[in-house]
Amino acid sequence: MTALAQTAIIRSLRTPKGTIAGAWLLALVFMAIFAPVLTSYQYDVQNLKGAFAPPSAEHWLGTDEFGRDLLTRLMYGARTSLSVSGIAIGISVLVGMILGASAGFFGGKFDRAVTVVVDLTWSFPEILVALILVAIIGPGVTGTMAAIGVAYLAQFTRLTRAQIMAIKGETYIEASRSLGASDAYIVFRHLIPNALAPVLVSAMLATGDAIILEATLGFFGLGAQPPTPSWGGMMSSGSALLFKAPWIILLPGLAVAITVIAINLYGDALIRALDIRERLRQA
């Protein structure tokens, strides 16, 4: 972790909203990783006799229509939602930064080709792009990750391209080129690191949107397939039981809402810590 990243994290945690949001996200990641240790129930073992049990000392958040412990499924669902969204956004950032940096640095026909393709994909809503790709690839975790990654690729490509074009004419870039540095060295050693901060903050904010998109696909039955739990799939199964067992749909929905709000609040704290808005105005 770089000194800049450490300083930004420390500064972001000094604000109340950064502290609260960071604590929620840290607790959520902890529960997702250590779910098998934190609960004695299995997320896929049915107990029909205990179906629709309300919250109690035995099942803190109640059970679903198959008698499965809802808290356990929420924790395992967090693992699905966070891993799918995080991996998809990570791949999208990696590919987008390489494409954007190459287009901004080299320019010419390659820049125009990348810009046209990116603008074309960006002209469609993310949910539409995701639905088309899932229909082609097929439902499941792999299809969902591919859909989310492609849906947000344009955002990171354009942002990286803009940052590269703003700094590629700086004096230290010209000095590095005059000393015989290769194009690849300049791009990966100088340009991309200097464009990294705003892209990473944008990636964090996009992760919140990706969680919503993953939950939407799961609600439609296009995300993680049963018995693998996901927040969207849990909401889908509970939609017909709203008046009989409202906790089945309300609690996963609440988990999605709180997580997305926490990501946005912590992302805003990071933006303030890194002074990104001021950097973008100066660029």
C-alpha atoms as a PDB file:
ATOM      1  CA  MET A   1       0.000   0.000   0.000  1.00  0.00           C
ATOM      2  CA  THR A   2       1.437   3.371  -1.021  1.00  0.00           C
ATOM      3  CA  ALA A   3       1.920   6.279   1.371  1.00  0.00           C
ATOM      4  CA  LEU A   4      -0.783   8.218  -0.492  1.00  0.00           C
ATOM      5  CA  ALA A   5      -3.276   5.391  -0.031  1.00  0.00           C
ATOM      6  CA  GLN A   6      -2.444   5.062   3.668  1.00  0.00           C
ATOM      7  CA  THR A   7      -2.832   8.812   4.188  1.00  0.00           C
ATOM      8  CA  ALA A   8      -6.151   8.861   2.307  1.00  0.00           C
ATOM      9  CA  ILE A   9      -7.561   5.974   4.366  1.00  0.00           C
ATOM     10  CA  ILE A  10      -6.516   7.608   7.635  1.00  0.00           C
ATOM     11  CA  ARG A  11      -8.027  10.944   6.598  1.00  0.00           C
ATOM     12  CA  SER A  12     -11.242   9.329   5.401  1.00  0.00           C
ATOM     13  CA  LEU A  13     -11.715   7.603   8.758  1.00  0.00           C
ATOM     14  CA  ARG A  14     -11.433  10.886  10.662  1.00  0.00           C
ATOM     15  CA  THR A  15     -14.868  11.989   9.508  1.00  0.00           C
ATOM     16  CA  PRO A  16     -17.978  10.550  11.227  1.00  0.00           C
ATOM     17  CA  LYS A  17     -19.541   9.278   8.015  1.00  0.00           C
ATOM     18  CA  GLY A  18     -16.242   7.785   6.859  1.00  0.00           C
ATOM     19  CA  THR A  19     -15.828   5.991  10.196  1.00  0.00           C
ATOM     20  CA  ILE A  20     -19.388   4.626  10.281  1.00  0.00           C
ATOM     21  CA  ALA A  21     -19.371   3.588   6.614  1.00  0.00           C
ATOM     22  CA  GLY A  22     -15.915   2.046   6.889  1.00  0.00           C
ATOM     23  CA  ALA A  23     -16.926   0.103  10.010  1.00  0.00           C
ATOM     24  CA  TRP A  24     -20.006  -1.316   8.262  1.00  0.00           C
ATOM     25  CA  LEU A  25     -18.041  -2.362   5.185  1.00  0.00           C
ATOM     26  CA  LEU A  26     -15.285  -3.913   7.301  1.00  0.00           C
ATOM     27  CA  ALA A  27     -17.847  -5.844   9.367  1.00  0.00           C
ATOM     28  CA  LEU A  28     -19.614  -6.993   6.212  1.00  0.00           C
ATOM     29  CA  VAL A  29     -16.392  -8.267   4.648  1.00  0.00           C
ATOM     30  CA  PHE A  30     -15.512  -9.998   7.920  1.00  0.00           C
ATOM     31  CA  MET A  31     -18.901 -11.746   8.045  1.00  0.00           C
ATOM     32  CA  ALA A  32     -18.658 -12.751   4.398  1.00  0.00           C
ATOM     33  CA  ILE A  33     -15.200 -14.292   4.839  1.00  0.00           C
ATOM     34  CA  PHE A  34     -15.816 -16.012   8.162  1.00  0.00           C
ATOM     35  CA  ALA A  35     -19.462 -16.995   7.626  1.00  0.00           C
ATOM     36  CA  PRO A  36     -18.764 -20.732   8.199  1.00  0.00           C
ATOM     37  CA  VAL A  37     -17.252 -19.893  11.598  1.00  0.00           C
ATOM     38  CA  LEU A  38     -19.823 -17.322  12.698  1.00  0.00           C
ATOM     39  CA  THR A  39     -22.885 -19.532  12.207  1.00  0.00           C
ATOM     40  CA  SER A  40     -23.696 -23.120  13.061  1.00  0.00           C
ATOM     41  CA  TYR A  41     -26.326 -23.407  10.324  1.00  0.00           C
ATOM     42  CA  GLN A  42     -25.852 -24.426   6.694  1.00  0.00           C
ATOM     43  CA  TYR A  43     -27.173 -22.071   4.042  1.00  0.00           C
ATOM     44  CA  ASP A  44     -28.534 -24.903   1.871  1.00  0.00           C
ATOM     45  CA  VAL A  45     -29.958 -27.337   4.443  1.00  0.00           C
ATOM     46  CA  GLN A  46     -33.751 -27.273   4.515  1.00  0.00           C
ATOM     47  CA  ASN A  47     -35.971 -27.714   7.571  1.00  0.00           C
ATOM     48  CA  LEU A  48     -39.547 -27.494   6.348  1.00  0.00           C
ATOM     49  CA  LYS A  49     -40.942 -27.858   9.870  1.00  0.00           C
ATOM     50  CA  GLY A  50     -39.254 -24.585  10.822  1.00  0.00           C
ATOM     51  CA  ALA A  51     -40.325 -22.631   7.738  1.00  0.00           C
ATOM     52  CA  PHE A  52     -41.515 -19.022   8.121  1.00  0.00           C
ATOM     53  CA  ALA A  53     -40.273 -18.804  11.710  1.00  0.00           C
ATOM     54  CA  PRO A  54     -40.136 -15.151  12.855  1.00  0.00           C
ATOM     55  CA  PRO A  55     -36.982 -13.700  14.434  1.00  0.00           C
ATOM     56  CA  SER A  56     -36.222 -15.440  17.711  1.00  0.00           C
ATOM     57  CA  ALA A  57     -33.361 -16.435  20.004  1.00  0.00           C
ATOM     58  CA  GLU A  58     -32.792 -19.556  17.885  1.00  0.00           C
ATOM     59  CA  HIS A  59     -32.967 -17.764  14.529  1.00  0.00           C
ATOM     60  CA  TRP A  60     -32.087 -14.133  15.073  1.00  0.00           C
ATOM     61  CA  LEU A  61     -33.523 -12.977  11.745  1.00  0.00           C
ATOM     62  CA  GLY A  62     -36.052 -15.773  11.267  1.00  0.00           C
ATOM     63  CA  THR A  63     -36.182 -18.458   8.590  1.00  0.00           C
ATOM     64  CA  ASP A  64     -37.274 -18.542   4.963  1.00  0.00           C
ATOM     65  CA  GLU A  65     -39.887 -20.663   3.188  1.00  0.00           C
ATOM     66  CA  PHE A  66     -37.624 -23.732   3.395  1.00  0.00           C
ATOM     67  CA  GLY A  67     -36.738 -23.295   7.062  1.00  0.00           C
ATOM     68  CA  ARG A  68     -33.214 -22.070   6.351  1.00  0.00           C
ATOM     69  CA  ASP A  69     -31.675 -19.597   8.786  1.00  0.00           C
ATOM     70  CA  LEU A  70     -31.967 -16.144   7.215  1.00  0.00           C
ATOM     71  CA  LEU A  71     -28.947 -14.627   8.970  1.00  0.00           C
ATOM     72  CA  THR A  72     -26.779 -17.446   7.654  1.00  0.00           C
ATOM     73  CA  ARG A  73     -28.038 -16.919   4.127  1.00  0.00           C
ATOM     74  CA  LEU A  74     -27.499 -13.161   4.439  1.00  0.00           C
ATOM     75  CA  MET A  75     -23.862 -13.708   5.396  1.00  0.00           C
ATOM     76  CA  TYR A  76     -23.278 -16.165   2.570  1.00  0.00           C
ATOM     77  CA  GLY A  77     -25.243 -13.857   0.272  1.00  0.00           C
ATOM     78  CA  ALA A  78     -22.848 -11.046   1.204  1.00  0.00           C
ATOM     79  CA  ARG A  79     -19.994 -13.295   0.100  1.00  0.00           C
ATOM     80  CA  THR A  80     -21.694 -13.783  -3.283  1.00  0.00           C
ATOM     81  CA  SER A  81     -22.672 -10.147  -3.823  1.00  0.00           C
ATOM     82  CA  LEU A  82     -19.353  -8.653  -2.703  1.00  0.00           C
ATOM     83  CA  SER A  83     -17.146 -11.149  -4.538  1.00  0.00           C
ATOM     84  CA  VAL A  84     -19.101 -11.000  -7.804  1.00  0.00           C
ATOM     85  CA  SER A  85     -19.292  -7.192  -7.788  1.00  0.00           C
ATOM     86  CA  GLY A  86     -15.726  -6.674  -6.568  1.00  0.00           C
ATOM     87  CA  ILE A  87     -14.119  -9.078  -9.051  1.00  0.00           C
ATOM     88  CA  ALA A  88     -16.187  -7.737 -11.943  1.00  0.00           C
ATOM     89  CA  ILE A  89     -15.324  -4.116 -11.159  1.00  0.00           C
ATOM     90  CA  GLY A  90     -11.664  -5.041 -10.621  1.00  0.00           C
ATOM     91  CA  ILE A  91     -11.431  -6.662 -14.051  1.00  0.00           C
ATOM     92  CA  SER A  92     -13.286  -3.720 -15.581  1.00  0.00           C
ATOM     93  CA  VAL A  93     -10.849  -1.263 -13.957  1.00  0.00           C
ATOM     94  CA  LEU A  94      -7.801  -3.217 -15.136  1.00  0.00           C
ATOM     95  CA  VAL A  95      -8.974  -3.505 -18.750  1.00  0.00           C
ATOM     96  CA  GLY A  96     -10.414   0.014 -18.781  1.00  0.00           C
ATOM     97  CA  MET A  97      -7.208   1.595 -17.504  1.00  0.00           C
ATOM     98  CA  ILE A  98      -5.081  -0.233 -20.082  1.00  0.00           C
ATOM     99  CA  LEU A  99      -7.425   0.730 -22.925  1.00  0.00           C
ATOM    100  CA  GLY A 100      -7.879   4.290 -21.711  1.00  0.00           C
ATOM    101  CA  ALA A 101      -4.172   4.848 -21.093  1.00  0.00           C
ATOM    102  CA  SER A 102      -3.225   3.432 -24.494  1.00  0.00           C
ATOM    103  CA  ALA A 103      -5.866   5.479 -26.290  1.00  0.00           C
ATOM    104  CA  GLY A 104      -4.940   8.702 -24.488  1.00  0.00           C
ATOM    105  CA  PHE A 105      -1.205   8.207 -24.941  1.00  0.00           C
ATOM    106  CA  PHE A 106      -1.018   7.046 -28.552  1.00  0.00           C
ATOM    107  CA  GLY A 107      -4.036   8.899 -29.951  1.00  0.00           C
ATOM    108  CA  GLY A 108      -4.739   8.617 -33.684  1.00  0.00           C
ATOM    109  CA  LYS A 109      -6.874   5.878 -35.169  1.00  0.00           C
ATOM    110  CA  PHE A 110      -6.580   3.659 -32.104  1.00  0.00           C
ATOM    111  CA  ASP A 111      -7.908   6.438 -29.882  1.00  0.00           C
ATOM    112  CA  ARG A 112     -10.810   7.083 -32.237  1.00  0.00           C
ATOM    113  CA  ALA A 113     -11.665   3.379 -32.449  1.00  0.00           C
ATOM    114  CA  VAL A 114     -11.636   2.955 -28.661  1.00  0.00           C
ATOM    115  CA  THR A 115     -13.678   6.133 -28.198  1.00  0.00           C
ATOM    116  CA  VAL A 116     -16.334   5.027 -30.691  1.00  0.00           C
ATOM    117  CA  VAL A 117     -16.713   1.581 -29.112  1.00  0.00           C
ATOM    118  CA  VAL A 118     -16.760   3.031 -25.601  1.00  0.00           C
ATOM    119  CA  ASP A 119     -19.315   5.696 -26.492  1.00  0.00           C
ATOM    120  CA  LEU A 120     -21.464   3.057 -28.167  1.00  0.00           C
ATOM    121  CA  THR A 121     -21.547   0.839 -25.078  1.00  0.00           C
ATOM    122  CA  TRP A 122     -22.003   3.838 -22.773  1.00  0.00           C
ATOM    123  CA  SER A 123     -25.073   4.967 -24.688  1.00  0.00           C
ATOM    124  CA  PHE A 124     -27.028   2.002 -23.282  1.00  0.00           C
ATOM    125  CA  PRO A 125     -28.068   1.647 -19.619  1.00  0.00           C
ATOM    126  CA  GLU A 126     -25.922  -0.768 -17.599  1.00  0.00           C
ATOM    127  CA  ILE A 127     -28.891  -2.998 -16.860  1.00  0.00           C
ATOM    128  CA  LEU A 128     -29.670  -3.381 -20.562  1.00  0.00           C
ATOM    129  CA  VAL A 129     -26.061  -4.273 -21.398  1.00  0.00           C
ATOM    130  CA  ALA A 130     -26.018  -6.746 -18.507  1.00  0.00           C
ATOM    131  CA  LEU A 131     -29.282  -8.399 -19.553  1.00  0.00           C
ATOM    132  CA  ILE A 132     -28.052  -8.821 -23.129  1.00  0.00           C
ATOM    133  CA  LEU A 133     -24.746 -10.341 -22.037  1.00  0.00           C
ATOM    134  CA  VAL A 134     -26.360 -12.669 -19.495  1.00  0.00           C
ATOM    135  CA  ALA A 135     -28.770 -13.804 -22.197  1.00  0.00           C
ATOM    136  CA  ILE A 136     -25.790 -14.629 -24.424  1.00  0.00           C
ATOM    137  CA  ILE A 137     -23.480 -16.159 -21.785  1.00  0.00           C
ATOM    138  CA  GLY A 138     -26.166 -17.701 -19.615  1.00  0.00           C
ATOM    139  CA  PRO A 139     -27.277 -17.108 -16.019  1.00  0.00           C
ATOM    140  CA  GLY A 140     -24.945 -17.764 -13.129  1.00  0.00           C
ATOM    141  CA  VAL A 141     -22.011 -16.198 -11.330  1.00  0.00           C
ATOM    142  CA  THR A 142     -19.725 -16.173 -14.399  1.00  0.00           C
ATOM    143  CA  GLY A 143     -22.325 -14.552 -16.620  1.00  0.00           C
ATOM    144  CA  THR A 144     -23.109 -11.949 -13.962  1.00  0.00           C
ATOM    145  CA  MET A 145     -19.445 -11.008 -13.498  1.00  0.00           C
ATOM    146  CA  ALA A 146     -18.927 -10.699 -17.253  1.00  0.00           C
ATOM    147  CA  ALA A 147     -22.064  -8.584 -17.603  1.00  0.00           C
ATOM    148  CA  ILE A 148     -21.088  -6.207 -14.792  1.00  0.00           C
ATOM    149  CA  GLY A 149     -17.502  -5.947 -16.021  1.00  0.00           C
ATOM    150  CA  VAL A 150     -18.520  -4.994 -19.569  1.00  0.00           C
ATOM    151  CA  ALA A 151     -21.299  -2.692 -18.368  1.00  0.00           C
ATOM    152  CA  TYR A 152     -18.841  -0.491 -16.431  1.00  0.00           C
ATOM    153  CA  LEU A 153     -15.850  -0.793 -18.769  1.00  0.00           C
ATOM    154  CA  ALA A 154     -16.663   2.415 -20.629  1.00  0.00           C
ATOM    155  CA  GLN A 155     -16.675   4.474 -17.440  1.00  0.00           C
ATOM    156  CA  PHE A 156     -13.112   3.561 -16.453  1.00  0.00           C
ATOM    157  CA  THR A 157     -11.818   3.735 -20.008  1.00  0.00           C
ATOM    158  CA  ARG A 158     -13.074   7.289 -20.500  1.00  0.00           C
ATOM    159  CA  LEU A 159     -11.909   8.446 -17.069  1.00  0.00           C
ATOM    160  CA  THR A 160      -8.413   7.006 -17.548  1.00  0.00           C
ATOM    161  CA  ARG A 161      -8.169   8.445 -21.069  1.00  0.00           C
ATOM    162  CA  ALA A 162      -9.081  11.911 -19.792  1.00  0.00           C
ATOM    163  CA  GLN A 163      -6.500  11.718 -17.005  1.00  0.00           C
ATOM    164  CA  ILE A 164      -3.752  10.490 -19.357  1.00  0.00           C
ATOM    165  CA  MET A 165      -4.429  13.209 -21.918  1.00  0.00           C
ATOM    166  CA  ALA A 166      -4.230  15.830 -19.165  1.00  0.00           C
ATOM    167  CA  ILE A 167      -0.797  14.725 -17.882  1.00  0.00           C
ATOM    168  CA  LYS A 168       0.994  13.212 -20.881  1.00  0.00           C
ATOM    169  CA  GLY A 169       2.393  16.624 -21.861  1.00  0.00           C
ATOM    170  CA  GLU A 170       3.979  17.259 -18.461  1.00  0.00           C
ATOM    171  CA  THR A 171       7.690  18.050 -18.296  1.00  0.00           C
ATOM    172  CA  TYR A 172       8.677  14.865 -16.499  1.00  0.00           C
ATOM    173  CA  ILE A 173       7.047  12.790 -19.240  1.00  0.00           C
ATOM    174  CA  GLU A 174       9.056  14.598 -21.917  1.00  0.00           C
ATOM    175  CA  ALA A 175      12.211  14.193 -19.819  1.00  0.00           C
ATOM    176  CA  SER A 176      11.607  10.475 -19.456  1.00  0.00           C
ATOM    177  CA  ARG A 177      11.083  10.129 -23.204  1.00  0.00           C
ATOM    178  CA  SER A 178      14.259  12.104 -23.969  1.00  0.00           C
ATOM    179  CA  LEU A 179      16.220   9.750 -21.716  1.00  0.00           C
ATOM    180  CA  GLY A 180      15.187   6.843 -23.908  1.00  0.00           C
ATOM    181  CA  ALA A 181      12.298   5.420 -21.909  1.00  0.00           C
ATOM    182  CA  SER A 182      10.001   3.174 -23.906  1.00  0.00           C
ATOM    183  CA  ASP A 183       6.328   3.936 -24.426  1.00  0.00           C
ATOM    184  CA  ALA A 184       5.335   0.995 -22.238  1.00  0.00           C
ATOM    185  CA  TYR A 185       7.597   2.238 -19.443  1.00  0.00           C
ATOM    186  CA  ILE A 186       6.133   5.734 -19.608  1.00  0.00           C
ATOM    187  CA  VAL A 187       2.552   4.445 -19.613  1.00  0.00           C
ATOM    188  CA  PHE A 188       2.916   1.926 -16.775  1.00  0.00           C
ATOM    189  CA  ARG A 189       5.546   3.728 -14.686  1.00  0.00           C
ATOM    190  CA  HIS A 190       4.407   7.345 -14.925  1.00  0.00           C
ATOM    191  CA  LEU A 191       1.002   7.845 -16.516  1.00  0.00           C
ATOM    192  CA  ILE A 192      -1.156   5.101 -14.998  1.00  0.00           C
ATOM    193  CA  PRO A 193       0.084   5.597 -11.387  1.00  0.00           C
ATOM    194  CA  ASN A 194      -0.715   9.320 -11.614  1.00  0.00           C
ATOM    195  CA  ALA A 195      -4.207   8.569 -12.949  1.00  0.00           C
ATOM    196  CA  LEU A 196      -4.882   5.834 -10.421  1.00  0.00           C
ATOM    197  CA  ALA A 197      -6.434   7.751  -7.514  1.00  0.00           C
ATOM    198  CA  PRO A 198      -9.588   9.098  -9.225  1.00  0.00           C
ATOM    199  CA  VAL A 199     -10.107   5.805 -11.057  1.00  0.00           C
ATOM    200  CA  LEU A 200      -9.962   3.776  -7.837  1.00  0.00           C
ATOM    201  CA  VAL A 201     -12.401   6.079  -6.068  1.00  0.00           C
ATOM    202  CA  SER A 202     -14.706   5.863  -9.077  1.00  0.00           C
ATOM    203  CA  ALA A 203     -14.333   2.080  -8.935  1.00  0.00           C
ATOM    204  CA  MET A 204     -15.411   2.030  -5.314  1.00  0.00           C
ATOM    205  CA  LEU A 205     -18.499   4.088  -6.072  1.00  0.00           C
ATOM    206  CA  ALA A 206     -19.223   1.852  -9.078  1.00  0.00           C
ATOM    207  CA  THR A 207     -19.038  -1.181  -6.792  1.00  0.00           C
ATOM    208  CA  GLY A 208     -22.160   0.097  -5.044  1.00  0.00           C
ATOM    209  CA  ASP A 209     -23.954   0.320  -8.378  1.00  0.00           C
ATOM    210  CA  ALA A 210     -22.631  -3.123  -9.281  1.00  0.00           C
ATOM    211  CA  ILE A 211     -24.113  -4.593  -6.089  1.00  0.00           C
ATOM    212  CA  ILE A 212     -27.487  -3.189  -7.105  1.00  0.00           C
ATOM    213  CA  LEU A 213     -27.049  -4.574 -10.618  1.00  0.00           C
ATOM    214  CA  GLU A 214     -26.064  -8.003  -9.247  1.00  0.00           C
ATOM    215  CA  ALA A 215     -29.089  -7.967  -6.947  1.00  0.00           C
ATOM    216  CA  THR A 216     -31.318  -6.993  -9.873  1.00  0.00           C
ATOM    217  CA  LEU A 217     -30.047  -9.868 -11.987  1.00  0.00           C
ATOM    218  CA  GLY A 218     -30.454 -12.193  -9.023  1.00  0.00           C
ATOM    219  CA  PHE A 219     -34.017 -10.977  -8.501  1.00  0.00           C
ATOM    220  CA  PHE A 220     -34.802 -11.887 -12.103  1.00  0.00           C
ATOM    221  CA  GLY A 221     -33.239 -15.322 -11.629  1.00  0.00           C
ATOM    222  CA  LEU A 222     -30.250 -14.500 -13.837  1.00  0.00           C
ATOM    223  CA  GLY A 223     -27.594 -14.242 -11.121  1.00  0.00           C
ATOM    224  CA  ALA A 224     -26.211 -16.884  -8.787  1.00  0.00           C
ATOM    225  CA  GLN A 225     -28.322 -20.007  -9.129  1.00  0.00           C
ATOM    226  CA  PRO A 226     -29.897 -21.900  -6.181  1.00  0.00           C
ATOM    227  CA  PRO A 227     -28.915 -23.103  -3.702  1.00  0.00           C
ATOM    228  CA  THR A 228     -26.137 -20.480  -3.739  1.00  0.00           C
ATOM    229  CA  PRO A 229     -27.580 -17.530  -1.813  1.00  0.00           C
ATOM    230  CA  SER A 230     -27.504 -13.972  -3.133  1.00  0.00           C
ATOM    231  CA  TRP A 231     -29.297 -10.931  -1.828  1.00  0.00           C
ATOM    232  CA  GLY A 232     -31.229 -10.465  -5.060  1.00  0.00           C
ATOM    233  CA  GLY A 233     -32.259 -14.108  -5.204  1.00  0.00           C
ATOM    234  CA  MET A 234     -33.423 -13.980  -1.591  1.00  0.00           C
ATOM    235  CA  MET A 235     -35.543 -10.914  -2.348  1.00  0.00           C
ATOM    236  CA  SER A 236     -37.037 -12.684  -5.358  1.00  0.00           C
ATOM    237  CA  SER A 237     -38.070 -15.731  -3.335  1.00  0.00           C
ATOM    238  CA  GLY A 238     -39.595 -13.512  -0.666  1.00  0.00           C
ATOM    239  CA  SER A 239     -41.512 -11.220  -3.012  1.00  0.00           C
ATOM    240  CA  ALA A 240     -44.566 -13.496  -2.993  1.00  0.00           C
ATOM    241  CA  LEU A 241     -44.410 -13.807   0.792  1.00  0.00           C
ATOM    242  CA  LEU A 242     -44.404 -10.123   1.700  1.00  0.00           C
ATOM    243  CA  PHE A 243     -47.510 -10.307   3.873  1.00  0.00           C
ATOM    244  CA  LYS A 244     -46.856 -13.788   5.290  1.00  0.00           C
ATOM    245  CA  ALA A 245     -43.153 -13.468   6.148  1.00  0.00           C
ATOM    246  CA  PRO A 246     -42.001  -9.917   5.321  1.00  0.00           C
ATOM    247  CA  TRP A 247     -38.529 -10.427   6.809  1.00  0.00           C
ATOM    248  CA  ILE A 248     -37.589 -12.732   3.916  1.00  0.00           C
ATOM    249  CA  ILE A 249     -37.639  -9.859   1.414  1.00  0.00           C
ATOM    250  CA  LEU A 250     -37.137  -6.823   3.657  1.00  0.00           C
ATOM    251  CA  LEU A 251     -33.886  -7.901   5.337  1.00  0.00           C
ATOM    252  CA  PRO A 252     -31.927  -8.666   2.117  1.00  0.00           C
ATOM    253  CA  GLY A 253     -33.249  -5.419   0.635  1.00  0.00           C
ATOM    254  CA  LEU A 254     -32.119  -3.560   3.740  1.00  0.00           C
ATOM    255  CA  ALA A 255     -28.686  -5.182   3.484  1.00  0.00           C
ATOM    256  CA  VAL A 256     -28.356  -4.007  -0.131  1.00  0.00           C
ATOM    257  CA  ALA A 257     -29.494  -0.477   0.725  1.00  0.00           C
ATOM    258  CA  ILE A 258     -27.226  -0.040   3.756  1.00  0.00           C
ATOM    259  CA  THR A 259     -24.214  -1.473   1.918  1.00  0.00           C
ATOM    260  CA  VAL A 260     -24.650   0.786  -1.110  1.00  0.00           C
ATOM    261  CA  ILE A 261     -25.142   3.839   1.115  1.00  0.00           C
ATOM    262  CA  ALA A 262     -22.019   2.912   3.101  1.00  0.00           C
ATOM    263  CA  ILE A 263     -19.967   2.542  -0.090  1.00  0.00           C
ATOM    264  CA  ASN A 264     -21.126   5.923  -1.360  1.00  0.00           C
ATOM    265  CA  LEU A 265     -20.440   7.631   1.973  1.00  0.00           C
ATOM    266  CA  TYR A 266     -16.978   6.123   2.276  1.00  0.00           C
ATOM    267  CA  GLY A 267     -16.253   6.918  -1.370  1.00  0.00           C
ATOM    268  CA  ASP A 268     -17.195  10.542  -0.736  1.00  0.00           C
ATOM    269  CA  ALA A 269     -14.881  10.581   2.300  1.00  0.00           C
ATOM    270  CA  LEU A 270     -12.049   9.243   0.121  1.00  0.00           C
ATOM    271  CA  ILE A 271     -12.731  11.903  -2.505  1.00  0.00           C
ATOM    272  CA  ARG A 272     -12.367  14.589   0.129  1.00  0.00           C
ATOM    273  CA  ALA A 273      -9.250  12.944   1.562  1.00  0.00           C
ATOM    274  CA  LEU A 274      -7.553  12.779  -1.841  1.00  0.00           C
ATOM    275  CA  ASP A 275      -8.777  16.224  -2.975  1.00  0.00           C
ATOM    276  CA  ILE A 276      -9.891  14.605  -6.227  1.00  0.00           C
ATOM    277  CA  ARG A 277     -12.487  17.247  -7.074  1.00  0.00           C
ATOM    278  CA  GLU A 278      -9.799  19.940  -6.851  1.00  0.00           C
ATOM    279  CA  ARG A 279      -7.448  17.880  -9.019  1.00  0.00           C
ATOM    280  CA  LEU A 280     -10.103  17.356 -11.660  1.00  0.00           C
ATOM    281  CA  ARG A 281     -10.899  21.108 -11.722  1.00  0.00           C
ATOM    282  CA  GLN A 282      -7.217  21.904 -12.179  1.00  0.00           C
ATOM    283  CA  ALA A 283      -6.911  19.269 -14.924  1.00  0.00           C
END
